Amino acid sequence: MAKKNPQIDAYIKKSPDFAKPILKHLRKVIHKTCPQVVEEMKWNSPFYLYQGRILCATMAFKKHCAVVFWKTPLIVKKKGAKAKAHMKHMRKMTMVEDLLPDKEFAEYLKLAMHFNEPTTKLPPREKRTTVVKPPNDLMDSLRANPTALKNFNAFTPSKRKDYIYWILSAKTDPTREARIETSIDWISEGKSRNWKYEMTKKKKK
């Protein structure tokens, strides 16, 4: 059995009561299906990797849980309309009874594992850019700070997404407000969301 990440233990412990059994069960099935899985925290959510690539992520919100497969388009293309409905269903779960049967969930995991194998030839990616819309409260704060707004617009799409996902992942309004305030300070200085980590990495080199 793969080693479990204590950060994910803490994440589950802090999640709403309704979410705990959902997250625990998903984690159990993931480990059972993929013994080589590696757990990591990304964007303040549990992520599960295989062969160095993301398999799926599990997230707890105020009123629902979600499990997101990283290669959903490929899974849907392979399995069809039923898989598409399942992928949508798994993003809005509020109780254990909402979980897919273990066998079906495991089948999707195995297919995702197949797509992550180095020997699997994947179809070429479509040339399109996914635009993630910043939340209104972030945009209002950016407009109030012209320097921050200018820097934010100059950031690469991935840098903007890092800030947007960080803010959207806040579980309480005070946390969200604090993250927006911190974001504006960092953005006005031209810093990325992970600037501290990037600085530490440079020092190690």
C-alpha atoms as a PDB file:
ATOM      1  CA  MET A   1       0.000   0.000   0.000  1.00  0.00           C
ATOM      2  CA  ALA A   2       1.322   3.436  -0.919  1.00  0.00           C
ATOM      3  CA  LYS A   3       2.315   5.869   1.808  1.00  0.00           C
ATOM      4  CA  LYS A   4      -0.418   8.271   2.872  1.00  0.00           C
ATOM      5  CA  ASN A   5       0.273  11.992   3.001  1.00  0.00           C
ATOM      6  CA  PRO A   6      -0.371  13.505   6.472  1.00  0.00           C
ATOM      7  CA  GLN A   7      -1.443  16.756   4.789  1.00  0.00           C
ATOM      8  CA  ILE A   8      -4.363  14.895   3.244  1.00  0.00           C
ATOM      9  CA  ASP A   9      -5.174  13.369   6.639  1.00  0.00           C
ATOM     10  CA  ALA A  10      -5.372  16.919   7.998  1.00  0.00           C
ATOM     11  CA  TYR A  11      -7.474  18.084   5.043  1.00  0.00           C
ATOM     12  CA  ILE A  12     -10.046  15.350   5.631  1.00  0.00           C
ATOM     13  CA  LYS A  13     -10.078  16.026   9.373  1.00  0.00           C
ATOM     14  CA  LYS A  14     -10.863  19.722   8.781  1.00  0.00           C
ATOM     15  CA  SER A  15     -13.529  19.030   6.154  1.00  0.00           C
ATOM     16  CA  PRO A  16     -17.271  19.332   6.929  1.00  0.00           C
ATOM     17  CA  ASP A  17     -18.728  16.285   8.701  1.00  0.00           C
ATOM     18  CA  PHE A  18     -20.752  15.185   5.675  1.00  0.00           C
ATOM     19  CA  ALA A  19     -17.589  15.205   3.543  1.00  0.00           C
ATOM     20  CA  LYS A  20     -15.333  13.103   5.777  1.00  0.00           C
ATOM     21  CA  PRO A  21     -16.772   9.645   4.947  1.00  0.00           C
ATOM     22  CA  ILE A  22     -16.931  10.525   1.243  1.00  0.00           C
ATOM     23  CA  LEU A  23     -13.288  11.605   1.091  1.00  0.00           C
ATOM     24  CA  LYS A  24     -12.152   8.629   3.188  1.00  0.00           C
ATOM     25  CA  HIS A  25     -13.967   6.141   0.978  1.00  0.00           C
ATOM     26  CA  LEU A  26     -12.666   7.673  -2.247  1.00  0.00           C
ATOM     27  CA  ARG A  27      -9.145   7.549  -0.856  1.00  0.00           C
ATOM     28  CA  LYS A  28      -9.575   3.905   0.157  1.00  0.00           C
ATOM     29  CA  VAL A  29     -10.764   2.840  -3.301  1.00  0.00           C
ATOM     30  CA  ILE A  30      -8.014   4.840  -5.016  1.00  0.00           C
ATOM     31  CA  HIS A  31      -5.323   3.097  -2.956  1.00  0.00           C
ATOM     32  CA  LYS A  32      -6.892  -0.315  -3.438  1.00  0.00           C
ATOM     33  CA  THR A  33      -7.130   0.148  -7.209  1.00  0.00           C
ATOM     34  CA  CYS A  34      -3.752   1.830  -7.623  1.00  0.00           C
ATOM     35  CA  PRO A  35      -1.284   0.599  -4.952  1.00  0.00           C
ATOM     36  CA  GLN A  36       1.477   2.733  -6.523  1.00  0.00           C
ATOM     37  CA  VAL A  37      -0.502   5.964  -6.149  1.00  0.00           C
ATOM     38  CA  VAL A  38       1.301   9.030  -4.781  1.00  0.00           C
ATOM     39  CA  GLU A  39      -0.586  11.572  -2.689  1.00  0.00           C
ATOM     40  CA  GLU A  40       0.130  15.289  -2.970  1.00  0.00           C
ATOM     41  CA  MET A  41      -1.561  18.515  -1.903  1.00  0.00           C
ATOM     42  CA  LYS A  42      -2.030  20.935  -4.807  1.00  0.00           C
ATOM     43  CA  TRP A  43      -4.058  24.135  -4.737  1.00  0.00           C
ATOM     44  CA  ASN A  44      -5.031  23.184  -1.175  1.00  0.00           C
ATOM     45  CA  SER A  45      -6.771  19.980  -2.291  1.00  0.00           C
ATOM     46  CA  PRO A  46      -5.822  16.269  -2.264  1.00  0.00           C
ATOM     47  CA  PHE A  47      -4.382  15.047  -5.556  1.00  0.00           C
ATOM     48  CA  TYR A  48      -3.559  11.458  -6.499  1.00  0.00           C
ATOM     49  CA  LEU A  49      -0.747  10.760  -8.974  1.00  0.00           C
ATOM     50  CA  TYR A  50       0.376   7.716 -10.927  1.00  0.00           C
ATOM     51  CA  GLN A  51       3.544   7.554 -13.042  1.00  0.00           C
ATOM     52  CA  GLY A  52       4.235  11.162 -12.066  1.00  0.00           C
ATOM     53  CA  ARG A  53       0.970  12.343 -13.622  1.00  0.00           C
ATOM     54  CA  ILE A  54      -2.304  13.345 -11.988  1.00  0.00           C
ATOM     55  CA  LEU A  55      -4.989  10.667 -11.843  1.00  0.00           C
ATOM     56  CA  CYS A  56      -7.653  12.612 -10.010  1.00  0.00           C
ATOM     57  CA  ALA A  57      -8.346  15.122  -7.260  1.00  0.00           C
ATOM     58  CA  THR A  58     -10.848  15.088  -4.406  1.00  0.00           C
ATOM     59  CA  MET A  59     -12.276  18.279  -2.952  1.00  0.00           C
ATOM     60  CA  ALA A  60     -14.601  19.226  -0.115  1.00  0.00           C
ATOM     61  CA  PHE A  61     -16.708  22.365  -0.283  1.00  0.00           C
ATOM     62  CA  LYS A  62     -19.261  23.802   2.130  1.00  0.00           C
ATOM     63  CA  LYS A  63     -22.169  21.735   0.846  1.00  0.00           C
ATOM     64  CA  HIS A  64     -20.752  19.142  -1.534  1.00  0.00           C
ATOM     65  CA  CYS A  65     -17.726  17.039  -2.466  1.00  0.00           C
ATOM     66  CA  ALA A  66     -16.154  16.467  -5.844  1.00  0.00           C
ATOM     67  CA  VAL A  67     -13.792  14.018  -7.468  1.00  0.00           C
ATOM     68  CA  VAL A  68     -12.281  15.214 -10.727  1.00  0.00           C
ATOM     69  CA  PHE A  69     -10.418  12.985 -13.172  1.00  0.00           C
ATOM     70  CA  TRP A  70      -7.581  14.858 -14.849  1.00  0.00           C
ATOM     71  CA  LYS A  71      -8.149  13.153 -18.188  1.00  0.00           C
ATOM     72  CA  THR A  72     -11.938  13.358 -18.159  1.00  0.00           C
ATOM     73  CA  PRO A  73     -12.187  14.144 -21.919  1.00  0.00           C
ATOM     74  CA  LEU A  74     -10.247  10.966 -22.782  1.00  0.00           C
ATOM     75  CA  ILE A  75     -12.326   8.861 -20.398  1.00  0.00           C
ATOM     76  CA  VAL A  76     -15.569  10.223 -21.834  1.00  0.00           C
ATOM     77  CA  LYS A  77     -14.337   9.691 -25.380  1.00  0.00           C
ATOM     78  CA  LYS A  78     -13.509   6.074 -24.545  1.00  0.00           C
ATOM     79  CA  LYS A  79     -16.598   5.226 -22.464  1.00  0.00           C
ATOM     80  CA  GLY A  80     -19.289   7.478 -23.936  1.00  0.00           C
ATOM     81  CA  ALA A  81     -22.394   9.208 -22.586  1.00  0.00           C
ATOM     82  CA  LYS A  82     -22.634   7.146 -19.389  1.00  0.00           C
ATOM     83  CA  ALA A  83     -19.115   8.165 -18.385  1.00  0.00           C
ATOM     84  CA  LYS A  84     -19.924  11.800 -19.143  1.00  0.00           C
ATOM     85  CA  ALA A  85     -22.928  11.618 -16.815  1.00  0.00           C
ATOM     86  CA  HIS A  86     -20.826   9.940 -14.117  1.00  0.00           C
ATOM     87  CA  MET A  87     -18.078  12.563 -14.352  1.00  0.00           C
ATOM     88  CA  LYS A  88     -20.677  15.300 -13.868  1.00  0.00           C
ATOM     89  CA  HIS A  89     -22.370  13.424 -11.014  1.00  0.00           C
ATOM     90  CA  MET A  90     -19.087  12.980  -9.125  1.00  0.00           C
ATOM     91  CA  ARG A  91     -18.596  16.744  -8.937  1.00  0.00           C
ATOM     92  CA  LYS A  92     -21.687  17.289  -6.764  1.00  0.00           C
ATOM     93  CA  MET A  93     -21.800  14.623  -4.035  1.00  0.00           C
ATOM     94  CA  THR A  94     -23.410  15.417  -0.692  1.00  0.00           C
ATOM     95  CA  MET A  95     -23.589  11.976   0.969  1.00  0.00           C
ATOM     96  CA  VAL A  96     -21.923   8.571   0.855  1.00  0.00           C
ATOM     97  CA  GLU A  97     -24.901   7.220  -1.066  1.00  0.00           C
ATOM     98  CA  ASP A  98     -23.976   9.549  -3.943  1.00  0.00           C
ATOM     99  CA  LEU A  99     -20.734   7.659  -4.546  1.00  0.00           C
ATOM    100  CA  LEU A 100     -20.514   5.426  -7.585  1.00  0.00           C
ATOM    101  CA  PRO A 101     -20.314   1.688  -6.867  1.00  0.00           C
ATOM    102  CA  ASP A 102     -16.689   0.823  -6.094  1.00  0.00           C
ATOM    103  CA  LYS A 103     -16.451  -1.375  -9.171  1.00  0.00           C
ATOM    104  CA  GLU A 104     -17.477   1.424 -11.550  1.00  0.00           C
ATOM    105  CA  PHE A 105     -15.254   4.011  -9.867  1.00  0.00           C
ATOM    106  CA  ALA A 106     -12.334   1.553 -10.016  1.00  0.00           C
ATOM    107  CA  GLU A 107     -12.907   1.052 -13.750  1.00  0.00           C
ATOM    108  CA  TYR A 108     -12.506   4.776 -14.341  1.00  0.00           C
ATOM    109  CA  LEU A 109      -9.383   4.785 -12.174  1.00  0.00           C
ATOM    110  CA  LYS A 110      -7.880   1.905 -14.157  1.00  0.00           C
ATOM    111  CA  LEU A 111      -8.583   3.714 -17.414  1.00  0.00           C
ATOM    112  CA  ALA A 112      -6.998   6.886 -16.028  1.00  0.00           C
ATOM    113  CA  MET A 113      -3.980   4.799 -14.979  1.00  0.00           C
ATOM    114  CA  HIS A 114      -3.754   3.421 -18.514  1.00  0.00           C
ATOM    115  CA  PHE A 115      -3.704   6.950 -19.929  1.00  0.00           C
ATOM    116  CA  ASN A 116      -0.867   7.817 -17.505  1.00  0.00           C
ATOM    117  CA  GLU A 117       1.343   4.916 -18.592  1.00  0.00           C
ATOM    118  CA  PRO A 118       4.475   6.118 -20.450  1.00  0.00           C
ATOM    119  CA  THR A 119       3.822   3.520 -23.168  1.00  0.00           C
ATOM    120  CA  THR A 120       0.284   4.750 -23.855  1.00  0.00           C
ATOM    121  CA  LYS A 121       0.084   6.891 -26.957  1.00  0.00           C
ATOM    122  CA  LEU A 122      -2.376   9.687 -26.324  1.00  0.00           C
ATOM    123  CA  PRO A 123      -4.213  11.584 -29.058  1.00  0.00           C
ATOM    124  CA  PRO A 124      -2.806  15.048 -29.812  1.00  0.00           C
ATOM    125  CA  ARG A 125      -4.222  17.788 -27.643  1.00  0.00           C
ATOM    126  CA  GLU A 126      -6.682  20.173 -29.161  1.00  0.00           C
ATOM    127  CA  LYS A 127      -5.204  23.620 -29.579  1.00  0.00           C
ATOM    128  CA  ARG A 128      -7.448  25.583 -27.306  1.00  0.00           C
ATOM    129  CA  THR A 129      -7.003  27.741 -24.243  1.00  0.00           C
ATOM    130  CA  THR A 130      -9.275  27.203 -21.272  1.00  0.00           C
ATOM    131  CA  VAL A 131     -10.188  30.566 -19.816  1.00  0.00           C
ATOM    132  CA  VAL A 132     -10.905  30.574 -16.091  1.00  0.00           C
ATOM    133  CA  LYS A 133     -12.957  33.605 -15.134  1.00  0.00           C
ATOM    134  CA  PRO A 134     -11.736  35.471 -12.017  1.00  0.00           C
ATOM    135  CA  PRO A 135     -14.402  35.807  -9.294  1.00  0.00           C
ATOM    136  CA  ASN A 136     -16.102  39.199  -9.020  1.00  0.00           C
ATOM    137  CA  ASP A 137     -14.684  40.020  -5.579  1.00  0.00           C
ATOM    138  CA  LEU A 138     -11.149  39.484  -6.859  1.00  0.00           C
ATOM    139  CA  MET A 139     -11.790  41.666  -9.914  1.00  0.00           C
ATOM    140  CA  ASP A 140     -13.265  44.440  -7.749  1.00  0.00           C
ATOM    141  CA  SER A 141     -10.115  44.436  -5.607  1.00  0.00           C
ATOM    142  CA  LEU A 142      -7.883  44.409  -8.679  1.00  0.00           C
ATOM    143  CA  ARG A 143      -9.713  47.368 -10.212  1.00  0.00           C
ATOM    144  CA  ALA A 144      -9.149  49.283  -6.985  1.00  0.00           C
ATOM    145  CA  ASN A 145      -5.398  48.775  -7.435  1.00  0.00           C
ATOM    146  CA  PRO A 146      -4.313  49.760 -10.978  1.00  0.00           C
ATOM    147  CA  THR A 147      -0.810  48.326 -10.521  1.00  0.00           C
ATOM    148  CA  ALA A 148      -2.151  44.959  -9.408  1.00  0.00           C
ATOM    149  CA  LEU A 149      -4.675  44.923 -12.259  1.00  0.00           C
ATOM    150  CA  LYS A 150      -1.961  45.687 -14.814  1.00  0.00           C
ATOM    151  CA  ASN A 151       0.309  42.945 -13.441  1.00  0.00           C
ATOM    152  CA  PHE A 152      -2.530  40.419 -13.260  1.00  0.00           C
ATOM    153  CA  ASN A 153      -3.458  41.019 -16.889  1.00  0.00           C
ATOM    154  CA  ALA A 154       0.203  40.586 -17.852  1.00  0.00           C
ATOM    155  CA  PHE A 155       0.513  37.243 -16.044  1.00  0.00           C
ATOM    156  CA  THR A 156       0.458  33.999 -18.010  1.00  0.00           C
ATOM    157  CA  PRO A 157      -2.843  32.068 -17.894  1.00  0.00           C
ATOM    158  CA  SER A 158      -1.308  29.524 -15.501  1.00  0.00           C
ATOM    159  CA  LYS A 159      -0.215  32.249 -13.055  1.00  0.00           C
ATOM    160  CA  ARG A 160      -3.694  33.767 -13.082  1.00  0.00           C
ATOM    161  CA  LYS A 161      -5.247  30.322 -12.540  1.00  0.00           C
ATOM    162  CA  ASP A 162      -3.034  29.722  -9.483  1.00  0.00           C
ATOM    163  CA  TYR A 163      -4.480  32.806  -7.795  1.00  0.00           C
ATOM    164  CA  ILE A 164      -8.053  32.130  -8.921  1.00  0.00           C
ATOM    165  CA  TYR A 165      -8.060  28.501  -7.709  1.00  0.00           C
ATOM    166  CA  TRP A 166      -6.479  29.516  -4.397  1.00  0.00           C
ATOM    167  CA  ILE A 167      -9.239  32.030  -3.757  1.00  0.00           C
ATOM    168  CA  LEU A 168     -12.025  29.717  -4.931  1.00  0.00           C
ATOM    169  CA  SER A 169     -10.785  26.922  -2.651  1.00  0.00           C
ATOM    170  CA  ALA A 170     -11.341  29.022   0.500  1.00  0.00           C
ATOM    171  CA  LYS A 171     -13.950  27.350   2.692  1.00  0.00           C
ATOM    172  CA  THR A 172     -15.043  30.420   4.671  1.00  0.00           C
ATOM    173  CA  ASP A 173     -15.705  34.049   3.767  1.00  0.00           C
ATOM    174  CA  PRO A 174     -13.018  35.411   6.151  1.00  0.00           C
ATOM    175  CA  THR A 175     -10.442  33.052   4.605  1.00  0.00           C
ATOM    176  CA  ARG A 176     -11.484  34.105   1.113  1.00  0.00           C
ATOM    177  CA  GLU A 177     -11.234  37.805   2.011  1.00  0.00           C
ATOM    178  CA  ALA A 178      -7.799  37.290   3.564  1.00  0.00           C
ATOM    179  CA  ARG A 179      -6.571  35.446   0.469  1.00  0.00           C
ATOM    180  CA  ILE A 180      -7.831  38.200  -1.819  1.00  0.00           C
ATOM    181  CA  GLU A 181      -6.053  40.823   0.292  1.00  0.00           C
ATOM    182  CA  THR A 182      -2.811  38.811   0.237  1.00  0.00           C
ATOM    183  CA  SER A 183      -3.195  38.195  -3.496  1.00  0.00           C
ATOM    184  CA  ILE A 184      -3.530  41.906  -4.248  1.00  0.00           C
ATOM    185  CA  ASP A 185      -0.359  42.645  -2.264  1.00  0.00           C
ATOM    186  CA  TRP A 186       1.633  39.968  -4.089  1.00  0.00           C
ATOM    187  CA  ILE A 187       0.212  40.732  -7.526  1.00  0.00           C
ATOM    188  CA  SER A 188       0.959  44.449  -7.128  1.00  0.00           C
ATOM    189  CA  GLU A 189       4.590  43.422  -6.554  1.00  0.00           C
ATOM    190  CA  GLY A 190       4.519  41.228  -9.657  1.00  0.00           C
ATOM    191  CA  LYS A 191       4.805  38.026  -7.632  1.00  0.00           C
ATOM    192  CA  SER A 192       3.325  34.669  -8.568  1.00  0.00           C
ATOM    193  CA  ARG A 193       1.106  32.760  -6.165  1.00  0.00           C
ATOM    194  CA  ASN A 194       3.995  30.376  -5.358  1.00  0.00           C
ATOM    195  CA  TRP A 195       6.750  32.979  -5.227  1.00  0.00           C
ATOM    196  CA  LYS A 196       8.025  31.798  -1.821  1.00  0.00           C
ATOM    197  CA  TYR A 197       8.454  28.244  -3.072  1.00  0.00           C
ATOM    198  CA  GLU A 198      10.125  29.486  -6.258  1.00  0.00           C
ATOM    199  CA  MET A 199      12.547  31.599  -4.219  1.00  0.00           C
ATOM    200  CA  THR A 200      13.456  28.634  -1.987  1.00  0.00           C
ATOM    201  CA  LYS A 201      14.004  26.470  -5.053  1.00  0.00           C
ATOM    202  CA  LYS A 202      16.380  29.042  -6.558  1.00  0.00           C
ATOM    203  CA  LYS A 203      18.395  29.255  -3.333  1.00  0.00           C
ATOM    204  CA  LYS A 204      18.852  25.468  -3.276  1.00  0.00           C
ATOM    205  CA  LYS A 205      20.343  25.615  -6.758  1.00  0.00           C
END
